[in-house]
Amino acid sequence: ATQIDSAGNLWVIYSSNHCLGVIPVSSGTLFGVSVTAGVFTQILSSGITFGVYICVDSAGNLYITDYSANKILVLPKTTSTIFGVSCTANTLQSLGTVPNATGVCMDAAGNLYISGTTYLKVISATTTTLYGVSCTANTLQNLMTVASGRISLDSAGNLYIQGSNSVSVLAQAVWPPVISAGSGSTAFLSFFP
């Protein structure tokens, strides 16, 4: 899976060899590793069992779903508290247990969405209501039971869920959602802020 951050760096998670890498836009240091513009550089070679998907937040922190380890991981850019977890810069940290995690994305408000083979979960940045579910800040919570794979968000807050034979849409502005699109071949959806 790939993700482009706000600086234009292309992040790559390789499931088969358990590593995280980047093709940076400019030379310098990313997560404590020296990088050269336009050259693929491995950032992590351990700590990821079977990374499936990746997203980047506005602060530059990387979030990775680890399908085999049943975890949502964060690689923080700076030492800080992320969703109530004390994190050290450039050190991979678990944010929680999520069985068979397949997708991850973040909305503009900083809420982290995680999909799995039978669920859609969220860690909300604040105590709020998301898609009709009351959510407590910094707590991994179930949004719905759904057979899902990849997920993505658009700028209006609509959440797209890719299933095995369909794509569904949760419309943030309209509850309860009844929008469901198509069946047949699966399309890969992604949103790069």
C-alpha atoms as a PDB file:
ATOM      1  CA  ALA A   1       0.000   0.000   0.000  1.00  0.00           C
ATOM      2  CA  THR A   2       1.093   3.571  -0.591  1.00  0.00           C
ATOM      3  CA  GLN A   3       0.305   7.008   0.798  1.00  0.00           C
ATOM      4  CA  ILE A   4       1.498  10.497  -0.112  1.00  0.00           C
ATOM      5  CA  ASP A   5       2.100  12.919   2.770  1.00  0.00           C
ATOM      6  CA  SER A   6       1.587  16.702   2.703  1.00  0.00           C
ATOM      7  CA  ALA A   7       5.250  17.230   1.661  1.00  0.00           C
ATOM      8  CA  GLY A   8       4.757  14.946  -1.350  1.00  0.00           C
ATOM      9  CA  ASN A   9       6.803  12.005  -0.010  1.00  0.00           C
ATOM     10  CA  LEU A  10       5.550   8.622  -1.216  1.00  0.00           C
ATOM     11  CA  TRP A  11       5.294   6.132   1.676  1.00  0.00           C
ATOM     12  CA  VAL A  12       5.222   2.413   0.919  1.00  0.00           C
ATOM     13  CA  ILE A  13       4.327  -0.497   3.213  1.00  0.00           C
ATOM     14  CA  TYR A  14       5.472  -3.899   1.973  1.00  0.00           C
ATOM     15  CA  SER A  15       3.438  -6.780   3.436  1.00  0.00           C
ATOM     16  CA  SER A  16       5.677  -9.521   2.111  1.00  0.00           C
ATOM     17  CA  ASN A  17       8.968  -8.282   3.562  1.00  0.00           C
ATOM     18  CA  HIS A  18       7.613  -6.503   6.648  1.00  0.00           C
ATOM     19  CA  CYS A  19       9.104  -3.082   5.961  1.00  0.00           C
ATOM     20  CA  LEU A  20       8.173   0.567   5.600  1.00  0.00           C
ATOM     21  CA  GLY A  21       9.907   2.753   3.048  1.00  0.00           C
ATOM     22  CA  VAL A  22       9.727   6.142   1.393  1.00  0.00           C
ATOM     23  CA  ILE A  23      10.577   7.846  -1.875  1.00  0.00           C
ATOM     24  CA  PRO A  24      11.233  11.364  -0.587  1.00  0.00           C
ATOM     25  CA  VAL A  25      10.764  14.593  -2.500  1.00  0.00           C
ATOM     26  CA  SER A  26      13.925  16.090  -1.028  1.00  0.00           C
ATOM     27  CA  SER A  27      17.089  14.879   0.697  1.00  0.00           C
ATOM     28  CA  GLY A  28      17.335  15.068   4.477  1.00  0.00           C
ATOM     29  CA  THR A  29      16.214  12.995   7.447  1.00  0.00           C
ATOM     30  CA  LEU A  30      12.851  11.267   7.917  1.00  0.00           C
ATOM     31  CA  PHE A  31      12.130   9.413  11.147  1.00  0.00           C
ATOM     32  CA  GLY A  32      15.834   9.447  12.028  1.00  0.00           C
ATOM     33  CA  VAL A  33      16.938   7.940   8.696  1.00  0.00           C
ATOM     34  CA  SER A  34      18.957   9.808   6.051  1.00  0.00           C
ATOM     35  CA  VAL A  35      17.107   9.961   2.732  1.00  0.00           C
ATOM     36  CA  THR A  36      17.996  11.099  -0.789  1.00  0.00           C
ATOM     37  CA  ALA A  37      15.473  12.811  -3.048  1.00  0.00           C
ATOM     38  CA  GLY A  38      13.828  10.397  -5.482  1.00  0.00           C
ATOM     39  CA  VAL A  39      15.552   7.298  -4.061  1.00  0.00           C
ATOM     40  CA  PHE A  40      13.600   4.574  -2.215  1.00  0.00           C
ATOM     41  CA  THR A  41      14.837   4.290   1.382  1.00  0.00           C
ATOM     42  CA  GLN A  42      13.778   1.713   3.949  1.00  0.00           C
ATOM     43  CA  ILE A  43      12.671   3.439   7.169  1.00  0.00           C
ATOM     44  CA  LEU A  44      11.652   0.362   9.237  1.00  0.00           C
ATOM     45  CA  SER A  45      12.700  -3.249   8.762  1.00  0.00           C
ATOM     46  CA  SER A  46      11.277  -4.668  11.995  1.00  0.00           C
ATOM     47  CA  GLY A  47       8.239  -4.274  14.198  1.00  0.00           C
ATOM     48  CA  ILE A  48       5.720  -4.847  11.409  1.00  0.00           C
ATOM     49  CA  THR A  49       4.465  -8.423  10.974  1.00  0.00           C
ATOM     50  CA  PHE A  50       2.154  -8.010   7.975  1.00  0.00           C
ATOM     51  CA  GLY A  51       1.473  -4.347   7.259  1.00  0.00           C
ATOM     52  CA  VAL A  52      -1.534  -3.935   5.005  1.00  0.00           C
ATOM     53  CA  TYR A  53      -2.356  -0.242   4.826  1.00  0.00           C
ATOM     54  CA  ILE A  54      -0.903   3.118   5.813  1.00  0.00           C
ATOM     55  CA  CYS A  55      -2.060   6.696   6.320  1.00  0.00           C
ATOM     56  CA  VAL A  56      -0.388   9.943   7.350  1.00  0.00           C
ATOM     57  CA  ASP A  57      -1.873  12.637   9.585  1.00  0.00           C
ATOM     58  CA  SER A  58      -1.367  16.408   9.300  1.00  0.00           C
ATOM     59  CA  ALA A  59       1.509  16.273  11.843  1.00  0.00           C
ATOM     60  CA  GLY A  60       3.372  13.702   9.730  1.00  0.00           C
ATOM     61  CA  ASN A  61       2.719  10.687  11.971  1.00  0.00           C
ATOM     62  CA  LEU A  62       2.323   7.386  10.097  1.00  0.00           C
ATOM     63  CA  TYR A  63      -0.438   4.882  10.955  1.00  0.00           C
ATOM     64  CA  ILE A  64      -0.122   1.246   9.858  1.00  0.00           C
ATOM     65  CA  THR A  65      -2.560  -1.648  10.062  1.00  0.00           C
ATOM     66  CA  ASP A  66      -0.752  -4.884  10.966  1.00  0.00           C
ATOM     67  CA  TYR A  67      -3.053  -7.694   9.876  1.00  0.00           C
ATOM     68  CA  SER A  68      -1.108 -10.622  11.408  1.00  0.00           C
ATOM     69  CA  ALA A  69      -0.222  -8.899  14.690  1.00  0.00           C
ATOM     70  CA  ASN A  70      -3.820  -7.623  15.064  1.00  0.00           C
ATOM     71  CA  LYS A  71      -2.655  -4.088  15.817  1.00  0.00           C
ATOM     72  CA  ILE A  72      -2.947  -0.503  14.707  1.00  0.00           C
ATOM     73  CA  LEU A  73       0.553   0.981  14.860  1.00  0.00           C
ATOM     74  CA  VAL A  74       1.825   4.553  14.836  1.00  0.00           C
ATOM     75  CA  LEU A  75       5.269   5.843  13.918  1.00  0.00           C
ATOM     76  CA  PRO A  76       5.342   9.300  15.516  1.00  0.00           C
ATOM     77  CA  LYS A  77       7.315  12.125  13.947  1.00  0.00           C
ATOM     78  CA  THR A  78       7.922  13.739  17.353  1.00  0.00           C
ATOM     79  CA  THR A  79       7.666  12.650  20.977  1.00  0.00           C
ATOM     80  CA  SER A  80       4.059  13.296  21.922  1.00  0.00           C
ATOM     81  CA  THR A  81       0.814  11.800  23.165  1.00  0.00           C
ATOM     82  CA  ILE A  82      -1.223  10.282  20.339  1.00  0.00           C
ATOM     83  CA  PHE A  83      -4.762   9.146  21.160  1.00  0.00           C
ATOM     84  CA  GLY A  84      -3.836   8.988  24.856  1.00  0.00           C
ATOM     85  CA  VAL A  85      -0.706   6.861  24.260  1.00  0.00           C
ATOM     86  CA  SER A  86       2.699   8.286  25.174  1.00  0.00           C
ATOM     87  CA  CYS A  87       4.851   7.937  22.054  1.00  0.00           C
ATOM     88  CA  THR A  88       8.567   8.457  21.435  1.00  0.00           C
ATOM     89  CA  ALA A  89       9.693  10.034  18.163  1.00  0.00           C
ATOM     90  CA  ASN A  90      10.737   7.568  15.447  1.00  0.00           C
ATOM     91  CA  THR A  91       9.656   4.551  17.552  1.00  0.00           C
ATOM     92  CA  LEU A  92       6.857   2.252  16.385  1.00  0.00           C
ATOM     93  CA  GLN A  93       4.052   2.087  18.971  1.00  0.00           C
ATOM     94  CA  SER A  94       0.797   0.113  19.210  1.00  0.00           C
ATOM     95  CA  LEU A  95      -2.417   2.107  19.622  1.00  0.00           C
ATOM     96  CA  GLY A  96      -4.554  -0.965  20.230  1.00  0.00           C
ATOM     97  CA  THR A  97      -5.674  -4.430  19.238  1.00  0.00           C
ATOM     98  CA  VAL A  98      -7.674  -4.693  16.040  1.00  0.00           C
ATOM     99  CA  PRO A  99      -8.160  -8.245  14.712  1.00  0.00           C
ATOM    100  CA  ASN A 100      -7.419  -8.688  10.996  1.00  0.00           C
ATOM    101  CA  ALA A 101      -7.062  -4.959  10.322  1.00  0.00           C
ATOM    102  CA  THR A 102      -7.187  -4.195   6.601  1.00  0.00           C
ATOM    103  CA  GLY A 103      -7.593  -0.430   6.215  1.00  0.00           C
ATOM    104  CA  VAL A 104      -6.848   2.856   7.961  1.00  0.00           C
ATOM    105  CA  CYS A 105      -7.604   6.505   7.225  1.00  0.00           C
ATOM    106  CA  MET A 106      -7.948   9.781   9.106  1.00  0.00           C
ATOM    107  CA  ASP A 107     -10.486  12.558   8.699  1.00  0.00           C
ATOM    108  CA  ALA A 108      -9.819  16.310   8.872  1.00  0.00           C
ATOM    109  CA  ALA A 109     -10.821  16.378  12.564  1.00  0.00           C
ATOM    110  CA  GLY A 110      -8.106  13.826  13.432  1.00  0.00           C
ATOM    111  CA  ASN A 111     -10.373  10.808  13.953  1.00  0.00           C
ATOM    112  CA  LEU A 112      -8.664   7.536  12.971  1.00  0.00           C
ATOM    113  CA  TYR A 113     -10.803   4.909  11.188  1.00  0.00           C
ATOM    114  CA  ILE A 114      -9.730   1.252  11.083  1.00  0.00           C
ATOM    115  CA  SER A 115     -11.416  -1.440   9.032  1.00  0.00           C
ATOM    116  CA  GLY A 116     -11.160  -5.193   9.374  1.00  0.00           C
ATOM    117  CA  THR A 117     -12.694  -8.240   7.830  1.00  0.00           C
ATOM    118  CA  THR A 118     -15.895  -7.845   9.888  1.00  0.00           C
ATOM    119  CA  TYR A 119     -15.848  -4.360  11.413  1.00  0.00           C
ATOM    120  CA  LEU A 120     -15.301  -0.633  11.129  1.00  0.00           C
ATOM    121  CA  LYS A 121     -13.742   0.995  14.208  1.00  0.00           C
ATOM    122  CA  VAL A 122     -12.669   4.508  15.157  1.00  0.00           C
ATOM    123  CA  ILE A 123     -10.387   6.218  17.652  1.00  0.00           C
ATOM    124  CA  SER A 124     -11.901   9.682  17.968  1.00  0.00           C
ATOM    125  CA  ALA A 125      -9.765  12.714  18.730  1.00  0.00           C
ATOM    126  CA  THR A 126     -12.517  14.221  20.928  1.00  0.00           C
ATOM    127  CA  THR A 127     -15.701  13.025  22.564  1.00  0.00           C
ATOM    128  CA  THR A 128     -18.208  13.340  19.739  1.00  0.00           C
ATOM    129  CA  THR A 129     -20.829  11.566  17.645  1.00  0.00           C
ATOM    130  CA  LEU A 130     -19.600   9.975  14.423  1.00  0.00           C
ATOM    131  CA  TYR A 131     -21.987   8.367  11.944  1.00  0.00           C
ATOM    132  CA  GLY A 132     -24.657   8.128  14.643  1.00  0.00           C
ATOM    133  CA  VAL A 133     -22.360   6.525  17.260  1.00  0.00           C
ATOM    134  CA  SER A 134     -21.406   8.300  20.490  1.00  0.00           C
ATOM    135  CA  CYS A 135     -17.594   8.150  20.733  1.00  0.00           C
ATOM    136  CA  THR A 136     -15.284   8.775  23.690  1.00  0.00           C
ATOM    137  CA  ALA A 137     -11.987  10.558  22.974  1.00  0.00           C
ATOM    138  CA  ASN A 138      -8.878   8.346  22.624  1.00  0.00           C
ATOM    139  CA  THR A 139     -10.901   5.114  22.881  1.00  0.00           C
ATOM    140  CA  LEU A 140     -10.956   2.428  20.186  1.00  0.00           C
ATOM    141  CA  GLN A 141     -14.655   1.876  19.481  1.00  0.00           C
ATOM    142  CA  ASN A 142     -16.776  -0.143  17.095  1.00  0.00           C
ATOM    143  CA  LEU A 143     -18.730   1.950  14.577  1.00  0.00           C
ATOM    144  CA  MET A 144     -20.428  -0.949  12.841  1.00  0.00           C
ATOM    145  CA  THR A 145     -20.233  -4.614  11.961  1.00  0.00           C
ATOM    146  CA  VAL A 146     -19.570  -4.812   8.251  1.00  0.00           C
ATOM    147  CA  ALA A 147     -17.568  -6.999   5.897  1.00  0.00           C
ATOM    148  CA  SER A 148     -14.970  -4.499   4.781  1.00  0.00           C
ATOM    149  CA  GLY A 149     -11.535  -4.083   3.370  1.00  0.00           C
ATOM    150  CA  ARG A 150     -10.055  -0.737   2.391  1.00  0.00           C
ATOM    151  CA  ILE A 151     -11.557   2.529   3.566  1.00  0.00           C
ATOM    152  CA  SER A 152     -11.169   6.158   2.547  1.00  0.00           C
ATOM    153  CA  LEU A 153     -12.720   9.540   3.275  1.00  0.00           C
ATOM    154  CA  ASP A 154     -13.548  12.497   1.103  1.00  0.00           C
ATOM    155  CA  SER A 155     -13.344  16.153   2.147  1.00  0.00           C
ATOM    156  CA  ALA A 156     -17.066  16.203   3.071  1.00  0.00           C
ATOM    157  CA  GLY A 157     -16.555  13.429   5.646  1.00  0.00           C
ATOM    158  CA  ASN A 158     -18.190  10.663   3.637  1.00  0.00           C
ATOM    159  CA  LEU A 159     -16.581   7.321   4.427  1.00  0.00           C
ATOM    160  CA  TYR A 160     -16.130   4.812   1.600  1.00  0.00           C
ATOM    161  CA  ILE A 161     -15.937   1.126   2.539  1.00  0.00           C
ATOM    162  CA  GLN A 162     -14.706  -1.399   0.008  1.00  0.00           C
ATOM    163  CA  GLY A 163     -16.197  -4.863   0.465  1.00  0.00           C
ATOM    164  CA  SER A 164     -15.410  -7.979  -1.518  1.00  0.00           C
ATOM    165  CA  ASN A 165     -17.987  -7.194  -4.224  1.00  0.00           C
ATOM    166  CA  SER A 166     -19.188  -3.686  -3.531  1.00  0.00           C
ATOM    167  CA  VAL A 167     -18.414  -0.201  -2.314  1.00  0.00           C
ATOM    168  CA  SER A 168     -20.604   1.399   0.346  1.00  0.00           C
ATOM    169  CA  VAL A 169     -20.746   5.004   1.459  1.00  0.00           C
ATOM    170  CA  LEU A 170     -21.485   6.325   4.952  1.00  0.00           C
ATOM    171  CA  ALA A 171     -22.663   9.901   4.534  1.00  0.00           C
ATOM    172  CA  GLN A 172     -21.702  11.960   7.601  1.00  0.00           C
ATOM    173  CA  ALA A 173     -24.344  14.614   6.918  1.00  0.00           C
ATOM    174  CA  VAL A 174     -27.223  12.146   6.543  1.00  0.00           C
ATOM    175  CA  TRP A 175     -28.021   9.523   9.178  1.00  0.00           C
ATOM    176  CA  PRO A 176     -28.895   6.711   8.910  1.00  0.00           C
ATOM    177  CA  PRO A 177     -27.009   6.088   5.675  1.00  0.00           C
ATOM    178  CA  VAL A 178     -28.680   4.023   2.992  1.00  0.00           C
ATOM    179  CA  ILE A 179     -26.266   4.723   0.158  1.00  0.00           C
ATOM    180  CA  SER A 180     -24.704   1.630  -1.353  1.00  0.00           C
ATOM    181  CA  ALA A 181     -23.081   1.400  -4.732  1.00  0.00           C
ATOM    182  CA  GLY A 182     -22.659  -1.425  -7.156  1.00  0.00           C
ATOM    183  CA  SER A 183     -21.549  -4.979  -7.107  1.00  0.00           C
ATOM    184  CA  GLY A 184     -19.208  -6.911  -9.302  1.00  0.00           C
ATOM    185  CA  SER A 185     -15.540  -6.157  -9.669  1.00  0.00           C
ATOM    186  CA  THR A 186     -13.938  -4.339  -6.744  1.00  0.00           C
ATOM    187  CA  ALA A 187     -12.417  -0.905  -7.244  1.00  0.00           C
ATOM    188  CA  PHE A 188      -9.575   0.361  -5.052  1.00  0.00           C
ATOM    189  CA  LEU A 189     -10.458   3.688  -3.472  1.00  0.00           C
ATOM    190  CA  SER A 190      -8.045   6.106  -1.873  1.00  0.00           C
ATOM    191  CA  PHE A 191      -8.016   9.721  -0.761  1.00  0.00           C
ATOM    192  CA  PHE A 192      -4.807  11.704  -0.569  1.00  0.00           C
ATOM    193  CA  PRO A 193      -5.212  14.986   1.300  1.00  0.00           C
END
